[in-house]
Amino acid sequence: MTFDFGIGDGADALVNYILDNYSPALDGIADAISLVTTGIKTALVWAPAPALIALVALVALWRTGILFAAFTALALAAIAGMGLWVQTMETLSLVLAATFIALVIGVPLGIAMARSNLIATAVRPVLDLMQTMPAFVYLIPAAMFFGLGAVPGTIATVIFSMPPVVRLTDLGIRQVQQEYVEAGLAFGCTDSQLLWKVQFPLALPSIMAGMNQTIMLALSMVVIASMIGAGGLGNTVLTGIQRLDVGLGFEGGLAVVVLAVILDRITQSFGRKSAFGQTLRALFAKPAPADAKTS
């Protein structure tokens, strides 16, 4: 004996209801996301490749040191040499747009969870669902609501990659030591001052770790999002799979890996002090005065 609870039929009815009654709102969301993704993509594609390579290498030098800066410059030059520069910039624009939207939504949501156990109790099951749902499933509603292209790819990427920044923002604020909170209250901090001047700065390493994980998950969604027209390196890998072209697929995959390594190392570094800055301070620091000799 089998039971059919009609969950799939209910989901279809909900999607059709949203399409029938909220199409203008969906169009507005699509236009806003398209503005962000198109703006980032235009800026990255318009900028000369040597200038962008130099800029990213300088950031890598500032944050991680000379060895990784050299790797960054050589790796990005190799991507340009493989003829995948435009596709890489398209992928980077999708990742940056998705990360930006995930942070805009996720950080305030994490703060609200940290300040209210009721909100945390309500949101955590949703985050569990977002993290455990197979990534391909996100493509179906995204394509139905927003068609094909970069916009549904960005939305699917946001849903897939947002939970870490929400969870780690919540965790970081909750783990701020009570002594600091009590000290802030003793000095007369309001709730907003306590949040932004005490809790948020102390939770920043945890929040940056959440942003790092969001970027990594967004990159892992690149190939999947290409199935609904997101483009970029995912389209290169997908074309290689469809044609059984090992070389093309390998080049696209290698470019994704290089982009992931560069973004990972640079974003991780913002959770700690700059290696290059520490080196400069060590080089130019004044020597400690010698102890005066007693006669």
C-alpha atoms as a PDB file:
ATOM      1  CA  MET A   1       0.000   0.000   0.000  1.00  0.00           C
ATOM      2  CA  THR A   2       1.439   3.366  -1.022  1.00  0.00           C
ATOM      3  CA  PHE A   3       0.669   6.896   0.061  1.00  0.00           C
ATOM      4  CA  ASP A   4       0.927   9.980  -2.107  1.00  0.00           C
ATOM      5  CA  PHE A   5       0.980  13.163  -0.091  1.00  0.00           C
ATOM      6  CA  GLY A   6       0.989  15.320  -3.227  1.00  0.00           C
ATOM      7  CA  ILE A   7       4.115  17.278  -2.256  1.00  0.00           C
ATOM      8  CA  GLY A   8       5.225  17.584  -5.869  1.00  0.00           C
ATOM      9  CA  ASP A   9       1.764  18.763  -6.955  1.00  0.00           C
ATOM     10  CA  GLY A  10       1.811  21.323  -4.157  1.00  0.00           C
ATOM     11  CA  ALA A  11       5.191  22.615  -5.288  1.00  0.00           C
ATOM     12  CA  ASP A  12       3.925  22.940  -8.876  1.00  0.00           C
ATOM     13  CA  ALA A  13       0.837  24.803  -7.679  1.00  0.00           C
ATOM     14  CA  LEU A  14       2.978  27.188  -5.620  1.00  0.00           C
ATOM     15  CA  VAL A  15       5.296  27.932  -8.545  1.00  0.00           C
ATOM     16  CA  ASN A  16       2.358  28.560 -10.885  1.00  0.00           C
ATOM     17  CA  TYR A  17       0.700  30.816  -8.308  1.00  0.00           C
ATOM     18  CA  ILE A  18       3.878  32.899  -7.957  1.00  0.00           C
ATOM     19  CA  LEU A  19       4.277  33.158 -11.736  1.00  0.00           C
ATOM     20  CA  ASP A  20       0.648  34.211 -12.184  1.00  0.00           C
ATOM     21  CA  ASN A  21       0.546  36.791  -9.393  1.00  0.00           C
ATOM     22  CA  TYR A  22       4.047  38.099  -8.812  1.00  0.00           C
ATOM     23  CA  SER A  23       5.607  38.397 -12.268  1.00  0.00           C
ATOM     24  CA  PRO A  24       6.245  42.179 -11.931  1.00  0.00           C
ATOM     25  CA  ALA A  25       8.077  41.601  -8.640  1.00  0.00           C
ATOM     26  CA  LEU A  26      10.146  38.830 -10.229  1.00  0.00           C
ATOM     27  CA  ASP A  27      10.984  41.134 -13.143  1.00  0.00           C
ATOM     28  CA  GLY A  28      12.110  43.802 -10.687  1.00  0.00           C
ATOM     29  CA  ILE A  29      14.359  41.340  -8.857  1.00  0.00           C
ATOM     30  CA  ALA A  30      15.789  40.142 -12.176  1.00  0.00           C
ATOM     31  CA  ASP A  31      16.506  43.731 -13.283  1.00  0.00           C
ATOM     32  CA  ALA A  32      18.266  44.562  -9.994  1.00  0.00           C
ATOM     33  CA  ILE A  33      20.434  41.442 -10.118  1.00  0.00           C
ATOM     34  CA  SER A  34      21.156  41.984 -13.810  1.00  0.00           C
ATOM     35  CA  LEU A  35      22.338  45.512 -13.016  1.00  0.00           C
ATOM     36  CA  VAL A  36      24.832  44.168 -10.479  1.00  0.00           C
ATOM     37  CA  THR A  37      26.110  41.271 -12.589  1.00  0.00           C
ATOM     38  CA  THR A  38      26.297  43.285 -15.819  1.00  0.00           C
ATOM     39  CA  GLY A  39      28.092  46.153 -14.127  1.00  0.00           C
ATOM     40  CA  ILE A  40      30.751  43.919 -12.595  1.00  0.00           C
ATOM     41  CA  LYS A  41      31.149  41.907 -15.806  1.00  0.00           C
ATOM     42  CA  THR A  42      31.473  45.040 -17.968  1.00  0.00           C
ATOM     43  CA  ALA A  43      34.129  46.499 -15.699  1.00  0.00           C
ATOM     44  CA  LEU A  44      36.173  43.282 -15.591  1.00  0.00           C
ATOM     45  CA  VAL A  45      35.952  42.560 -19.319  1.00  0.00           C
ATOM     46  CA  TRP A  46      36.628  46.184 -20.276  1.00  0.00           C
ATOM     47  CA  ALA A  47      39.790  46.464 -18.160  1.00  0.00           C
ATOM     48  CA  PRO A  48      42.999  45.364 -19.951  1.00  0.00           C
ATOM     49  CA  ALA A  49      44.198  41.929 -18.879  1.00  0.00           C
ATOM     50  CA  PRO A  50      47.766  43.080 -17.979  1.00  0.00           C
ATOM     51  CA  ALA A  51      46.380  45.820 -15.737  1.00  0.00           C
ATOM     52  CA  LEU A  52      44.055  43.416 -13.905  1.00  0.00           C
ATOM     53  CA  ILE A  53      46.818  40.840 -13.517  1.00  0.00           C
ATOM     54  CA  ALA A  54      49.103  43.501 -12.041  1.00  0.00           C
ATOM     55  CA  LEU A  55      46.353  44.733  -9.717  1.00  0.00           C
ATOM     56  CA  VAL A  56      45.495  41.253  -8.389  1.00  0.00           C
ATOM     57  CA  ALA A  57      49.202  40.457  -7.996  1.00  0.00           C
ATOM     58  CA  LEU A  58      49.686  43.652  -5.974  1.00  0.00           C
ATOM     59  CA  VAL A  59      46.777  42.712  -3.704  1.00  0.00           C
ATOM     60  CA  ALA A  60      48.295  39.228  -3.299  1.00  0.00           C
ATOM     61  CA  LEU A  61      51.660  40.832  -2.463  1.00  0.00           C
ATOM     62  CA  TRP A  62      50.031  43.091   0.111  1.00  0.00           C
ATOM     63  CA  ARG A  63      47.997  40.360   1.777  1.00  0.00           C
ATOM     64  CA  THR A  64      50.051  37.154   1.444  1.00  0.00           C
ATOM     65  CA  GLY A  65      53.618  37.848   0.330  1.00  0.00           C
ATOM     66  CA  ILE A  66      55.878  37.833  -2.687  1.00  0.00           C
ATOM     67  CA  LEU A  67      55.766  34.096  -3.474  1.00  0.00           C
ATOM     68  CA  PHE A  68      51.999  33.952  -3.806  1.00  0.00           C
ATOM     69  CA  ALA A  69      52.018  37.246  -5.714  1.00  0.00           C
ATOM     70  CA  ALA A  70      54.375  35.684  -8.257  1.00  0.00           C
ATOM     71  CA  PHE A  71      52.163  32.597  -8.494  1.00  0.00           C
ATOM     72  CA  THR A  72      49.108  34.817  -8.986  1.00  0.00           C
ATOM     73  CA  ALA A  73      50.694  36.770 -11.824  1.00  0.00           C
ATOM     74  CA  LEU A  74      51.959  33.623 -13.599  1.00  0.00           C
ATOM     75  CA  ALA A  75      48.667  31.737 -13.145  1.00  0.00           C
ATOM     76  CA  LEU A  76      46.535  34.602 -14.480  1.00  0.00           C
ATOM     77  CA  ALA A  77      48.930  35.076 -17.391  1.00  0.00           C
ATOM     78  CA  ALA A  78      48.584  31.356 -18.168  1.00  0.00           C
ATOM     79  CA  ILE A  79      44.777  31.711 -18.212  1.00  0.00           C
ATOM     80  CA  ALA A  80      45.095  34.603 -20.659  1.00  0.00           C
ATOM     81  CA  GLY A  81      47.506  32.518 -22.715  1.00  0.00           C
ATOM     82  CA  MET A  82      44.945  29.698 -22.950  1.00  0.00           C
ATOM     83  CA  GLY A  83      42.443  32.150 -24.438  1.00  0.00           C
ATOM     84  CA  LEU A  84      40.090  31.904 -21.445  1.00  0.00           C
ATOM     85  CA  TRP A  85      40.468  35.412 -20.063  1.00  0.00           C
ATOM     86  CA  VAL A  86      36.980  36.646 -20.996  1.00  0.00           C
ATOM     87  CA  GLN A  87      35.356  33.452 -19.686  1.00  0.00           C
ATOM     88  CA  THR A  88      37.332  33.790 -16.447  1.00  0.00           C
ATOM     89  CA  MET A  89      36.166  37.377 -15.998  1.00  0.00           C
ATOM     90  CA  GLU A  90      32.566  36.277 -16.637  1.00  0.00           C
ATOM     91  CA  THR A  91      32.920  33.622 -13.950  1.00  0.00           C
ATOM     92  CA  LEU A  92      34.559  36.076 -11.563  1.00  0.00           C
ATOM     93  CA  SER A  93      31.753  38.574 -12.134  1.00  0.00           C
ATOM     94  CA  LEU A  94      29.143  35.910 -11.326  1.00  0.00           C
ATOM     95  CA  VAL A  95      31.031  34.891  -8.168  1.00  0.00           C
ATOM     96  CA  LEU A  96      31.505  38.481  -7.007  1.00  0.00           C
ATOM     97  CA  ALA A  97      27.872  39.387  -7.699  1.00  0.00           C
ATOM     98  CA  ALA A  98      26.588  36.272  -5.911  1.00  0.00           C
ATOM     99  CA  THR A  99      28.939  36.873  -2.973  1.00  0.00           C
ATOM    100  CA  PHE A 100      27.890  40.522  -2.720  1.00  0.00           C
ATOM    101  CA  ILE A 101      24.190  39.614  -2.658  1.00  0.00           C
ATOM    102  CA  ALA A 102      24.829  36.765  -0.197  1.00  0.00           C
ATOM    103  CA  LEU A 103      26.664  39.160   2.140  1.00  0.00           C
ATOM    104  CA  VAL A 104      23.981  41.847   1.874  1.00  0.00           C
ATOM    105  CA  ILE A 105      21.336  39.294   2.885  1.00  0.00           C
ATOM    106  CA  GLY A 106      23.399  36.905   5.008  1.00  0.00           C
ATOM    107  CA  VAL A 107      25.288  39.213   7.381  1.00  0.00           C
ATOM    108  CA  PRO A 108      22.177  41.056   8.671  1.00  0.00           C
ATOM    109  CA  LEU A 109      20.371  37.718   8.924  1.00  0.00           C
ATOM    110  CA  GLY A 110      23.255  36.263  10.948  1.00  0.00           C
ATOM    111  CA  ILE A 111      23.213  39.316  13.222  1.00  0.00           C
ATOM    112  CA  ALA A 112      19.459  38.913  13.737  1.00  0.00           C
ATOM    113  CA  MET A 113      19.976  35.224  14.583  1.00  0.00           C
ATOM    114  CA  ALA A 114      22.663  36.094  17.134  1.00  0.00           C
ATOM    115  CA  ARG A 115      20.407  38.637  18.827  1.00  0.00           C
ATOM    116  CA  SER A 116      17.215  36.568  18.825  1.00  0.00           C
ATOM    117  CA  ASN A 117      16.950  32.870  19.623  1.00  0.00           C
ATOM    118  CA  LEU A 118      13.466  32.854  18.085  1.00  0.00           C
ATOM    119  CA  ILE A 119      14.811  34.003  14.701  1.00  0.00           C
ATOM    120  CA  ALA A 120      17.691  31.528  14.987  1.00  0.00           C
ATOM    121  CA  THR A 121      15.279  28.671  15.663  1.00  0.00           C
ATOM    122  CA  ALA A 122      13.201  29.612  12.622  1.00  0.00           C
ATOM    123  CA  VAL A 123      16.114  30.191  10.221  1.00  0.00           C
ATOM    124  CA  ARG A 124      18.358  27.208  11.012  1.00  0.00           C
ATOM    125  CA  PRO A 125      16.086  24.575   9.393  1.00  0.00           C
ATOM    126  CA  VAL A 126      15.965  26.732   6.254  1.00  0.00           C
ATOM    127  CA  LEU A 127      19.774  26.905   6.207  1.00  0.00           C
ATOM    128  CA  ASP A 128      19.935  23.123   6.670  1.00  0.00           C
ATOM    129  CA  LEU A 129      17.641  22.721   3.671  1.00  0.00           C
ATOM    130  CA  MET A 130      19.716  25.115   1.572  1.00  0.00           C
ATOM    131  CA  GLN A 131      22.932  23.259   2.397  1.00  0.00           C
ATOM    132  CA  THR A 132      21.649  19.714   1.892  1.00  0.00           C
ATOM    133  CA  MET A 133      19.454  20.192  -1.186  1.00  0.00           C
ATOM    134  CA  PRO A 134      21.259  18.919  -4.330  1.00  0.00           C
ATOM    135  CA  ALA A 135      22.649  21.861  -6.264  1.00  0.00           C
ATOM    136  CA  PHE A 136      20.888  20.842  -9.486  1.00  0.00           C
ATOM    137  CA  VAL A 137      17.492  21.327  -7.815  1.00  0.00           C
ATOM    138  CA  TYR A 138      18.099  25.069  -7.480  1.00  0.00           C
ATOM    139  CA  LEU A 139      18.273  25.382 -11.257  1.00  0.00           C
ATOM    140  CA  ILE A 140      14.629  24.373 -11.748  1.00  0.00           C
ATOM    141  CA  PRO A 141      12.864  27.241  -9.901  1.00  0.00           C
ATOM    142  CA  ALA A 142      15.564  29.716 -10.949  1.00  0.00           C
ATOM    143  CA  ALA A 143      14.996  28.900 -14.623  1.00  0.00           C
ATOM    144  CA  MET A 144      11.194  28.865 -14.235  1.00  0.00           C
ATOM    145  CA  PHE A 145      11.039  32.235 -12.467  1.00  0.00           C
ATOM    146  CA  PHE A 146      13.816  34.077 -14.325  1.00  0.00           C
ATOM    147  CA  GLY A 147      14.424  32.222 -17.599  1.00  0.00           C
ATOM    148  CA  LEU A 148      17.936  31.453 -18.799  1.00  0.00           C
ATOM    149  CA  GLY A 149      21.119  33.470 -18.440  1.00  0.00           C
ATOM    150  CA  ALA A 150      23.341  35.013 -15.805  1.00  0.00           C
ATOM    151  CA  VAL A 151      20.469  36.185 -13.569  1.00  0.00           C
ATOM    152  CA  PRO A 152      19.025  32.737 -12.694  1.00  0.00           C
ATOM    153  CA  GLY A 153      22.594  31.422 -12.435  1.00  0.00           C
ATOM    154  CA  THR A 154      23.404  34.152  -9.919  1.00  0.00           C
ATOM    155  CA  ILE A 155      20.236  33.485  -7.917  1.00  0.00           C
ATOM    156  CA  ALA A 156      20.893  29.736  -7.776  1.00  0.00           C
ATOM    157  CA  THR A 157      24.479  30.475  -6.719  1.00  0.00           C
ATOM    158  CA  VAL A 158      23.327  32.839  -3.962  1.00  0.00           C
ATOM    159  CA  ILE A 159      20.938  30.252  -2.518  1.00  0.00           C
ATOM    160  CA  PHE A 160      23.585  27.530  -2.657  1.00  0.00           C
ATOM    161  CA  SER A 161      26.437  29.598  -1.195  1.00  0.00           C
ATOM    162  CA  MET A 162      24.780  31.864   1.413  1.00  0.00           C
ATOM    163  CA  PRO A 163      24.430  29.533   4.473  1.00  0.00           C
ATOM    164  CA  PRO A 164      28.101  29.693   5.613  1.00  0.00           C
ATOM    165  CA  VAL A 165      28.171  33.475   5.971  1.00  0.00           C
ATOM    166  CA  VAL A 166      24.856  33.414   7.887  1.00  0.00           C
ATOM    167  CA  ARG A 167      25.989  30.671  10.253  1.00  0.00           C
ATOM    168  CA  LEU A 168      29.461  32.084  10.881  1.00  0.00           C
ATOM    169  CA  THR A 169      28.146  35.609  11.438  1.00  0.00           C
ATOM    170  CA  ASP A 170      25.748  34.200  14.036  1.00  0.00           C
ATOM    171  CA  LEU A 171      28.506  32.089  15.587  1.00  0.00           C
ATOM    172  CA  GLY A 172      31.069  34.904  15.624  1.00  0.00           C
ATOM    173  CA  ILE A 173      28.784  37.336  17.433  1.00  0.00           C
ATOM    174  CA  ARG A 174      27.598  34.711  19.922  1.00  0.00           C
ATOM    175  CA  GLN A 175      31.216  33.800  20.741  1.00  0.00           C
ATOM    176  CA  VAL A 176      32.248  37.335  21.687  1.00  0.00           C
ATOM    177  CA  GLN A 177      33.376  37.060  25.289  1.00  0.00           C
ATOM    178  CA  GLN A 178      30.878  38.319  27.822  1.00  0.00           C
ATOM    179  CA  GLU A 179      33.552  40.482  29.472  1.00  0.00           C
ATOM    180  CA  TYR A 180      33.755  42.685  26.373  1.00  0.00           C
ATOM    181  CA  VAL A 181      29.979  43.006  26.231  1.00  0.00           C
ATOM    182  CA  GLU A 182      29.816  43.929  29.905  1.00  0.00           C
ATOM    183  CA  ALA A 183      32.605  46.472  29.448  1.00  0.00           C
ATOM    184  CA  GLY A 184      30.715  48.080  26.561  1.00  0.00           C
ATOM    185  CA  LEU A 185      27.537  48.263  28.633  1.00  0.00           C
ATOM    186  CA  ALA A 186      29.484  49.719  31.551  1.00  0.00           C
ATOM    187  CA  PHE A 187      30.712  52.530  29.289  1.00  0.00           C
ATOM    188  CA  GLY A 188      27.123  53.297  28.301  1.00  0.00           C
ATOM    189  CA  CYS A 189      26.917  51.710  24.849  1.00  0.00           C
ATOM    190  CA  THR A 190      23.504  51.500  23.264  1.00  0.00           C
ATOM    191  CA  ASP A 191      22.469  48.240  21.574  1.00  0.00           C
ATOM    192  CA  SER A 192      23.581  49.477  18.157  1.00  0.00           C
ATOM    193  CA  GLN A 193      26.876  50.838  19.510  1.00  0.00           C
ATOM    194  CA  LEU A 194      27.514  47.558  21.318  1.00  0.00           C
ATOM    195  CA  LEU A 195      26.906  45.653  18.087  1.00  0.00           C
ATOM    196  CA  TRP A 196      28.966  47.778  15.696  1.00  0.00           C
ATOM    197  CA  LYS A 197      31.766  48.922  18.027  1.00  0.00           C
ATOM    198  CA  VAL A 198      32.273  45.798  20.144  1.00  0.00           C
ATOM    199  CA  GLN A 199      30.643  42.617  18.868  1.00  0.00           C
ATOM    200  CA  PHE A 200      30.972  43.054  15.099  1.00  0.00           C
ATOM    201  CA  PRO A 201      34.716  43.950  15.093  1.00  0.00           C
ATOM    202  CA  LEU A 202      35.500  41.028  17.391  1.00  0.00           C
ATOM    203  CA  ALA A 203      33.402  38.676  15.230  1.00  0.00           C
ATOM    204  CA  LEU A 204      35.020  39.896  11.987  1.00  0.00           C
ATOM    205  CA  PRO A 205      37.463  36.956  11.623  1.00  0.00           C
ATOM    206  CA  SER A 206      34.537  34.538  11.806  1.00  0.00           C
ATOM    207  CA  ILE A 207      32.524  36.631   9.340  1.00  0.00           C
ATOM    208  CA  MET A 208      35.475  36.723   6.924  1.00  0.00           C
ATOM    209  CA  ALA A 209      35.753  32.935   7.186  1.00  0.00           C
ATOM    210  CA  GLY A 210      32.069  32.762   6.247  1.00  0.00           C
ATOM    211  CA  MET A 211      32.672  35.024   3.262  1.00  0.00           C
ATOM    212  CA  ASN A 212      35.579  32.826   2.204  1.00  0.00           C
ATOM    213  CA  GLN A 213      33.394  29.716   2.315  1.00  0.00           C
ATOM    214  CA  THR A 214      30.643  31.530   0.410  1.00  0.00           C
ATOM    215  CA  ILE A 215      33.087  32.377  -2.376  1.00  0.00           C
ATOM    216  CA  MET A 216      34.306  28.779  -2.552  1.00  0.00           C
ATOM    217  CA  LEU A 217      30.758  27.421  -2.755  1.00  0.00           C
ATOM    218  CA  ALA A 218      29.907  30.005  -5.411  1.00  0.00           C
ATOM    219  CA  LEU A 219      32.840  28.805  -7.505  1.00  0.00           C
ATOM    220  CA  SER A 220      31.766  25.201  -7.060  1.00  0.00           C
ATOM    221  CA  MET A 221      28.371  26.174  -8.503  1.00  0.00           C
ATOM    222  CA  VAL A 222      29.894  27.652 -11.680  1.00  0.00           C
ATOM    223  CA  VAL A 223      29.775  24.526 -13.833  1.00  0.00           C
ATOM    224  CA  ILE A 224      26.270  23.607 -12.661  1.00  0.00           C
ATOM    225  CA  ALA A 225      24.926  27.131 -13.267  1.00  0.00           C
ATOM    226  CA  SER A 226      26.240  27.004 -16.840  1.00  0.00           C
ATOM    227  CA  MET A 227      23.457  24.507 -17.586  1.00  0.00           C
ATOM    228  CA  ILE A 228      20.957  27.376 -17.442  1.00  0.00           C
ATOM    229  CA  GLY A 229      23.090  29.800 -19.428  1.00  0.00           C
ATOM    230  CA  ALA A 230      25.271  31.406 -16.748  1.00  0.00           C
ATOM    231  CA  GLY A 231      28.258  31.215 -19.115  1.00  0.00           C
ATOM    232  CA  GLY A 232      31.880  31.704 -18.143  1.00  0.00           C
ATOM    233  CA  LEU A 233      34.290  28.876 -17.409  1.00  0.00           C
ATOM    234  CA  GLY A 234      31.398  26.584 -16.545  1.00  0.00           C
ATOM    235  CA  ASN A 235      30.278  26.778 -20.166  1.00  0.00           C
ATOM    236  CA  THR A 236      33.811  25.839 -21.257  1.00  0.00           C
ATOM    237  CA  VAL A 237      33.835  22.781 -18.996  1.00  0.00           C
ATOM    238  CA  LEU A 238      30.305  21.825 -20.047  1.00  0.00           C
ATOM    239  CA  THR A 239      31.246  22.092 -23.728  1.00  0.00           C
ATOM    240  CA  GLY A 240      34.258  19.866 -23.094  1.00  0.00           C
ATOM    241  CA  ILE A 241      31.991  17.263 -21.459  1.00  0.00           C
ATOM    242  CA  GLN A 242      29.444  17.375 -24.272  1.00  0.00           C
ATOM    243  CA  ARG A 243      32.108  17.030 -26.972  1.00  0.00           C
ATOM    244  CA  LEU A 244      34.273  14.596 -24.971  1.00  0.00           C
ATOM    245  CA  ASP A 245      37.057  17.127 -25.495  1.00  0.00           C
ATOM    246  CA  VAL A 246      39.467  16.331 -22.662  1.00  0.00           C
ATOM    247  CA  GLY A 247      41.797  19.224 -23.426  1.00  0.00           C
ATOM    248  CA  LEU A 248      39.070  21.871 -23.437  1.00  0.00           C
ATOM    249  CA  GLY A 249      37.504  20.500 -20.252  1.00  0.00           C
ATOM    250  CA  PHE A 250      40.897  20.350 -18.539  1.00  0.00           C
ATOM    251  CA  GLU A 251      41.740  23.946 -19.460  1.00  0.00           C
ATOM    252  CA  GLY A 252      38.388  25.192 -18.168  1.00  0.00           C
ATOM    253  CA  GLY A 253      38.710  23.175 -14.964  1.00  0.00           C
ATOM    254  CA  LEU A 254      42.276  24.382 -14.430  1.00  0.00           C
ATOM    255  CA  ALA A 255      41.174  28.002 -14.788  1.00  0.00           C
ATOM    256  CA  VAL A 256      38.436  27.422 -12.182  1.00  0.00           C
ATOM    257  CA  VAL A 257      40.993  25.890  -9.802  1.00  0.00           C
ATOM    258  CA  VAL A 258      43.403  28.811 -10.273  1.00  0.00           C
ATOM    259  CA  LEU A 259      40.629  31.322  -9.626  1.00  0.00           C
ATOM    260  CA  ALA A 260      39.554  29.387  -6.530  1.00  0.00           C
ATOM    261  CA  VAL A 261      43.085  29.270  -5.100  1.00  0.00           C
ATOM    262  CA  ILE A 262      43.658  32.998  -5.647  1.00  0.00           C
ATOM    263  CA  LEU A 263      40.322  34.033  -4.146  1.00  0.00           C
ATOM    264  CA  ASP A 264      40.719  31.605  -1.253  1.00  0.00           C
ATOM    265  CA  ARG A 265      44.165  32.791  -0.222  1.00  0.00           C
ATOM    266  CA  ILE A 266      43.363  36.486  -0.575  1.00  0.00           C
ATOM    267  CA  THR A 267      40.053  36.353   1.300  1.00  0.00           C
ATOM    268  CA  GLN A 268      41.562  34.169   4.036  1.00  0.00           C
ATOM    269  CA  SER A 269      44.268  36.778   4.566  1.00  0.00           C
ATOM    270  CA  PHE A 270      41.729  39.425   5.571  1.00  0.00           C
ATOM    271  CA  GLY A 271      41.078  37.451   8.738  1.00  0.00           C
ATOM    272  CA  ARG A 272      44.634  38.110   9.878  1.00  0.00           C
ATOM    273  CA  LYS A 273      47.297  40.795   9.609  1.00  0.00           C
ATOM    274  CA  SER A 274      48.936  41.524   6.263  1.00  0.00           C
ATOM    275  CA  ALA A 275      52.080  39.449   5.745  1.00  0.00           C
ATOM    276  CA  PHE A 276      53.654  42.169   3.584  1.00  0.00           C
ATOM    277  CA  GLY A 277      52.834  44.827   6.159  1.00  0.00           C
ATOM    278  CA  GLN A 278      54.415  42.754   8.907  1.00  0.00           C
ATOM    279  CA  THR A 279      57.541  42.332   6.766  1.00  0.00           C
ATOM    280  CA  LEU A 280      57.793  46.084   6.154  1.00  0.00           C
ATOM    281  CA  ARG A 281      57.327  46.843   9.834  1.00  0.00           C
ATOM    282  CA  ALA A 282      60.068  44.347  10.692  1.00  0.00           C
ATOM    283  CA  LEU A 283      62.447  45.885   8.135  1.00  0.00           C
ATOM    284  CA  PHE A 284      61.931  49.500   9.166  1.00  0.00           C
ATOM    285  CA  ALA A 285      61.363  49.056  12.888  1.00  0.00           C
ATOM    286  CA  LYS A 286      63.767  50.975  15.050  1.00  0.00           C
ATOM    287  CA  PRO A 287      66.088  48.774  17.122  1.00  0.00           C
ATOM    288  CA  ALA A 288      65.418  48.731  20.825  1.00  0.00           C
ATOM    289  CA  PRO A 289      67.836  50.946  22.783  1.00  0.00           C
ATOM    290  CA  ALA A 290      70.659  49.099  24.454  1.00  0.00           C
ATOM    291  CA  ASP A 291      70.659  48.961  28.201  1.00  0.00           C
ATOM    292  CA  ALA A 292      72.840  51.647  29.732  1.00  0.00           C
ATOM    293  CA  LYS A 293      75.998  50.283  31.233  1.00  0.00           C
ATOM    294  CA  THR A 294      76.438  50.851  34.906  1.00  0.00           C
ATOM    295  CA  SER A 295      79.722  52.315  35.917  1.00  0.00           C
END
